[in-house]
Amino acid sequence: MPSSEAIGRIQWGSLLMGPGTPYGVEALLGIDDLPDVRGDDTDRPAQHGTYSGPDYTGARVIQVGLAIRGDDPTHLRALKTALRSAAQPGQAPAALQFLDWDLLAYGKVRKRSIPYDAHYLWRVGEAAIEWYCPDPRLYSLAEHIATTTAYSPSAGRTYPLSFPRVYGPAGSSGRLTISNAGDSDAYPLLRIDGPVAQPIVEHIGTGATLALTGTLQPGEYLVVDTRTRAVLLMGSAPRRDWVRAGSAWPVLAPGDNEIAFRGAALPGAPGQTSTLTVTWRDTSL
């Protein structure tokens, strides 16, 4: 969490703005603001009021006002040219990092203003950039990772009893406690490594269960993006049809979340265990 109200440094690609740079940040809009809300409301017929459905936000718009400080007119022009080059339209959202506030947004440059003002002393200029963020969420800079093996019961004792008594290997709980330090739901990335058949990932608190019908051999893995709902074998081959009917996509609520992973072992793979790796960022809105 930031220790100061001062916005500090902002990183966009190779362009660094803020303290210690020629681009001083004078204004910031859109970070603490709530994006426009899209309501699902219907008027009550022949009555006062409405039937109100769930609310969702639209895109986030972030605006940064800059003061450009050059050493002389030539340097000022070079700084403006560099800023113009960095603030170009993009094909896909990219990372806009607020380094001292531990925040990350994904946006595209939609507006850029670098006015010319002959009244300045030829060493100082102004600029403004606007980013359009189709995903309104704000993420932590740090990406968190947690891993567990699939649930398996302990092997127990061997009968008939003999001395010395031999116990089987301990079981694996197949559970993870994951903390989302933000104030909004986080959508984790799941990676399941084989060998395993019909893997299941369950959010214990909500009961949301993602059940898959496929089989992963040793060395194979499946990537599941709970935000885009992409299911990719070896990270590239679509396997969306592996999702069983009635499945629910597990998301991470603010605070602690318990995730369970289980699946059926494959014949002929003794001593090999399947693993679930969960990757997420603290998420706010």
Foldseek 3Di string as FASTA:
>chain_A
DFPDPDLAWKDQPPDIADPPDQKHWDDKPFDPDFAAKDWDWACDPPDPDIDTDDIDHFKTKMKTKIKGFAPALVRSVVVVVVVVVRQDFDPFWDWIDSPNVQKIATWGWDDKDWDDDPPDPSGMTMMMTMTIGRPRKIWGPDKDKDKFWAWDQWPAWDPPADPPTDGGDHTGQQKDKDAQQEQAKWWKKKKKADQFAFKKKAWVVVRQIWTFGGGHHHPKMWIAGLVVRFIDIVVHHGDSVRTDPPGGRDIHHHGIIMMGMHGHHDPPPPPDTMMMMIMITRIYD
